[in-house]
N, C-alpha and C. Protein backbone atom coordinates (compact mmCIF):
# COMPACT_ATOMS: atom_id res chain seq x y z
N MET A 1 84.51 134.12 45.40
CA MET A 1 85.64 134.18 46.30
C MET A 1 86.06 135.63 46.51
N PRO A 2 86.45 135.96 47.74
CA PRO A 2 86.92 137.32 48.00
C PRO A 2 88.27 137.58 47.32
N ASN A 3 88.40 138.77 46.79
CA ASN A 3 89.61 139.11 46.05
C ASN A 3 90.60 139.94 46.86
N THR A 4 90.09 140.84 47.66
CA THR A 4 90.99 141.73 48.40
C THR A 4 91.30 141.16 49.79
N LYS A 5 92.37 141.71 50.39
CA LYS A 5 92.76 141.27 51.72
C LYS A 5 91.66 141.53 52.74
N SER A 6 91.06 142.70 52.65
CA SER A 6 90.01 143.05 53.62
C SER A 6 88.80 142.13 53.47
N ALA A 7 88.48 141.74 52.24
CA ALA A 7 87.36 140.83 52.02
C ALA A 7 87.64 139.45 52.58
N ILE A 8 88.88 139.01 52.48
CA ILE A 8 89.28 137.71 53.04
C ILE A 8 89.13 137.73 54.57
N ARG A 9 89.59 138.82 55.18
CA ARG A 9 89.46 138.96 56.63
C ARG A 9 87.99 139.02 57.03
N ARG A 10 87.22 139.70 56.25
CA ARG A 10 85.78 139.84 56.52
C ARG A 10 85.08 138.47 56.50
N VAL A 11 85.47 137.62 55.56
CA VAL A 11 84.89 136.28 55.48
C VAL A 11 85.19 135.50 56.75
N ARG A 12 86.43 135.60 57.24
CA ARG A 12 86.80 134.91 58.48
C ARG A 12 85.98 135.43 59.65
N ARG A 13 85.84 136.75 59.70
CA ARG A 13 85.12 137.38 60.79
C ARG A 13 83.64 136.98 60.78
N VAL A 14 83.04 136.94 59.59
CA VAL A 14 81.64 136.58 59.47
C VAL A 14 81.42 135.13 59.90
N LYS A 15 82.37 134.26 59.57
CA LYS A 15 82.28 132.85 59.95
C LYS A 15 82.23 132.70 61.47
N LYS A 16 83.13 133.41 62.16
CA LYS A 16 83.18 133.36 63.62
C LYS A 16 81.89 133.93 64.21
N GLN A 17 81.45 135.06 63.67
CA GLN A 17 80.26 135.72 64.19
C GLN A 17 79.01 134.87 63.99
N THR A 18 78.96 134.15 62.88
CA THR A 18 77.82 133.26 62.61
C THR A 18 77.74 132.16 63.65
N GLN A 19 78.88 131.61 64.03
CA GLN A 19 78.91 130.57 65.06
C GLN A 19 78.41 131.13 66.40
N ILE A 20 78.88 132.32 66.74
CA ILE A 20 78.47 132.94 67.99
C ILE A 20 76.97 133.22 68.00
N ASN A 21 76.46 133.74 66.88
CA ASN A 21 75.03 134.03 66.79
C ASN A 21 74.20 132.75 66.88
N ARG A 22 74.70 131.67 66.30
CA ARG A 22 73.99 130.39 66.36
C ARG A 22 73.90 129.91 67.80
N ILE A 23 74.98 130.06 68.56
CA ILE A 23 74.99 129.68 69.97
C ILE A 23 73.97 130.51 70.75
N ARG A 24 73.96 131.81 70.49
CA ARG A 24 73.04 132.71 71.19
C ARG A 24 71.59 132.37 70.87
N LYS A 25 71.34 132.08 69.60
CA LYS A 25 69.97 131.77 69.19
C LYS A 25 69.48 130.47 69.83
N SER A 26 70.36 129.47 69.93
CA SER A 26 69.95 128.21 70.55
C SER A 26 69.73 128.40 72.06
N LYS A 27 70.54 129.26 72.68
CA LYS A 27 70.39 129.58 74.09
C LYS A 27 69.01 130.22 74.34
N TYR A 28 68.63 131.12 73.44
CA TYR A 28 67.34 131.80 73.50
C TYR A 28 66.19 130.82 73.34
N LYS A 29 66.30 129.94 72.35
CA LYS A 29 65.24 128.96 72.09
C LYS A 29 65.10 127.97 73.24
N ASN A 30 66.23 127.55 73.80
CA ASN A 30 66.20 126.62 74.93
C ASN A 30 65.54 127.26 76.15
N ALA A 31 65.82 128.54 76.38
CA ALA A 31 65.23 129.24 77.52
C ALA A 31 63.72 129.30 77.37
N ILE A 32 63.25 129.59 76.17
CA ILE A 32 61.80 129.67 75.92
C ILE A 32 61.15 128.30 76.09
N LYS A 33 61.79 127.26 75.54
CA LYS A 33 61.23 125.91 75.67
C LYS A 33 61.16 125.47 77.12
N GLN A 34 62.22 125.76 77.86
CA GLN A 34 62.26 125.37 79.26
C GLN A 34 61.16 126.06 80.05
N MET A 35 60.97 127.35 79.80
CA MET A 35 59.93 128.09 80.51
C MET A 35 58.54 127.59 80.11
N ASP A 36 58.33 127.30 78.84
CA ASP A 36 57.05 126.76 78.40
C ASP A 36 56.76 125.41 79.05
N ASN A 37 57.78 124.57 79.15
CA ASN A 37 57.61 123.27 79.79
C ASN A 37 57.24 123.41 81.26
N LEU A 38 57.88 124.35 81.94
CA LEU A 38 57.57 124.57 83.35
C LEU A 38 56.14 125.09 83.52
N LEU A 39 55.72 125.98 82.64
CA LEU A 39 54.38 126.53 82.74
C LEU A 39 53.31 125.50 82.38
N SER A 40 53.59 124.68 81.40
CA SER A 40 52.59 123.69 80.99
C SER A 40 52.48 122.53 81.97
N SER A 41 53.54 122.26 82.71
CA SER A 41 53.51 121.16 83.68
C SER A 41 53.02 121.63 85.05
N LYS A 42 52.46 122.80 85.11
CA LYS A 42 51.88 123.35 86.35
C LYS A 42 52.88 123.50 87.48
N GLU A 43 54.14 123.75 87.14
CA GLU A 43 55.16 123.97 88.16
C GLU A 43 55.47 125.46 88.25
N LYS A 44 54.50 126.21 88.74
CA LYS A 44 54.64 127.67 88.77
C LYS A 44 55.72 128.13 89.74
N ASP A 45 55.92 127.39 90.83
CA ASP A 45 56.94 127.80 91.78
C ASP A 45 58.34 127.70 91.18
N LYS A 46 58.59 126.62 90.42
CA LYS A 46 59.88 126.50 89.73
C LYS A 46 60.00 127.55 88.64
N ALA A 47 58.90 127.81 87.95
CA ALA A 47 58.91 128.81 86.87
C ALA A 47 59.22 130.19 87.43
N LYS A 48 58.66 130.49 88.61
CA LYS A 48 58.93 131.79 89.23
C LYS A 48 60.40 131.91 89.63
N LYS A 49 60.99 130.80 90.09
CA LYS A 49 62.41 130.83 90.46
C LYS A 49 63.29 131.04 89.23
N ASN A 50 62.91 130.43 88.11
CA ASN A 50 63.72 130.52 86.90
C ASN A 50 63.40 131.75 86.06
N PHE A 51 62.40 132.52 86.45
CA PHE A 51 61.98 133.66 85.64
C PHE A 51 63.08 134.71 85.49
N SER A 52 63.81 134.99 86.56
CA SER A 52 64.87 136.01 86.47
C SER A 52 65.98 135.57 85.53
N LYS A 53 66.31 134.27 85.56
CA LYS A 53 67.32 133.73 84.65
C LYS A 53 66.83 133.80 83.21
N PHE A 54 65.56 133.45 83.02
CA PHE A 54 64.92 133.51 81.70
C PHE A 54 64.95 134.94 81.14
N GLN A 55 64.60 135.87 81.98
CA GLN A 55 64.59 137.29 81.60
C GLN A 55 65.99 137.76 81.24
N SER A 56 66.96 137.34 82.01
CA SER A 56 68.35 137.72 81.78
C SER A 56 68.85 137.21 80.44
N ILE A 57 68.56 135.94 80.14
CA ILE A 57 69.00 135.34 78.88
C ILE A 57 68.39 136.08 77.70
N LEU A 58 67.09 136.36 77.77
CA LEU A 58 66.42 137.04 76.66
C LEU A 58 66.99 138.44 76.44
N MET A 59 67.28 139.15 77.51
CA MET A 59 67.81 140.50 77.35
C MET A 59 69.25 140.48 76.84
N GLN A 60 70.02 139.48 77.23
CA GLN A 60 71.39 139.34 76.70
C GLN A 60 71.37 139.11 75.19
N VAL A 61 70.48 138.23 74.76
CA VAL A 61 70.36 137.91 73.34
C VAL A 61 69.87 139.14 72.57
N ALA A 62 68.94 139.87 73.17
CA ALA A 62 68.42 141.08 72.52
C ALA A 62 69.50 142.15 72.43
N LYS A 63 70.30 142.25 73.46
CA LYS A 63 71.37 143.25 73.50
C LYS A 63 72.39 143.00 72.39
N SER A 64 72.65 141.72 72.10
CA SER A 64 73.62 141.37 71.07
C SER A 64 73.05 141.51 69.67
N GLY A 65 71.72 141.66 69.55
CA GLY A 65 71.11 141.90 68.26
C GLY A 65 70.61 140.66 67.54
N VAL A 66 70.64 139.52 68.20
CA VAL A 66 70.16 138.29 67.56
C VAL A 66 68.64 138.36 67.40
N ILE A 67 67.96 138.86 68.44
CA ILE A 67 66.52 139.16 68.34
C ILE A 67 66.35 140.62 68.73
N SER A 68 65.22 141.19 68.37
CA SER A 68 65.02 142.60 68.70
C SER A 68 64.62 142.74 70.16
N ARG A 69 64.84 143.92 70.71
CA ARG A 69 64.50 144.18 72.11
C ARG A 69 63.00 144.08 72.34
N LYS A 70 62.24 144.50 71.36
CA LYS A 70 60.78 144.43 71.49
C LYS A 70 60.29 142.99 71.55
N THR A 71 60.91 142.12 70.77
CA THR A 71 60.55 140.70 70.80
C THR A 71 60.85 140.11 72.17
N ALA A 72 62.01 140.42 72.71
CA ALA A 72 62.38 139.92 74.03
C ALA A 72 61.42 140.43 75.09
N SER A 73 61.08 141.71 75.03
CA SER A 73 60.16 142.30 75.99
C SER A 73 58.79 141.65 75.90
N ARG A 74 58.34 141.40 74.68
CA ARG A 74 57.03 140.77 74.48
C ARG A 74 56.99 139.36 75.07
N LYS A 75 58.06 138.60 74.83
CA LYS A 75 58.13 137.23 75.36
C LYS A 75 58.14 137.25 76.89
N ILE A 76 58.92 138.15 77.47
CA ILE A 76 59.01 138.27 78.92
C ILE A 76 57.66 138.66 79.50
N SER A 77 57.01 139.59 78.86
CA SER A 77 55.71 140.06 79.31
C SER A 77 54.67 138.95 79.32
N ARG A 78 54.64 138.17 78.25
CA ARG A 78 53.65 137.09 78.15
C ARG A 78 53.89 135.99 79.18
N VAL A 79 55.15 135.71 79.44
CA VAL A 79 55.45 134.70 80.46
C VAL A 79 55.09 135.22 81.83
N SER A 80 55.36 136.50 82.11
CA SER A 80 55.05 137.05 83.42
C SER A 80 53.54 137.08 83.67
N LYS A 81 52.76 137.28 82.61
CA LYS A 81 51.29 137.22 82.75
C LYS A 81 50.85 135.81 83.14
N LYS A 82 51.49 134.81 82.54
CA LYS A 82 51.13 133.42 82.86
C LYS A 82 51.51 133.04 84.29
N LEU A 83 52.53 133.69 84.83
CA LEU A 83 52.99 133.37 86.18
C LEU A 83 52.05 133.90 87.26
N LYS A 84 51.28 134.91 86.92
CA LYS A 84 50.38 135.51 87.93
C LYS A 84 49.17 134.69 88.20
């Protein structure tokens, strides 16, 4: 258990931040699953329409630090290769 006032506040802050990070991580995973489903079902036109949204979500998550920027760039790159 935290003993000092600052440690108590820190515990509260970490709890809130963990919830936010969990939301961001699920948003990231859902975006990847959705794009994979579109690519595997041969719906390239829909995938191309959703690509900008997919890219935006990955960069937002990377910006917040949930995943690294290089990971996001790699995922975006691989999907863009499949779209061509």
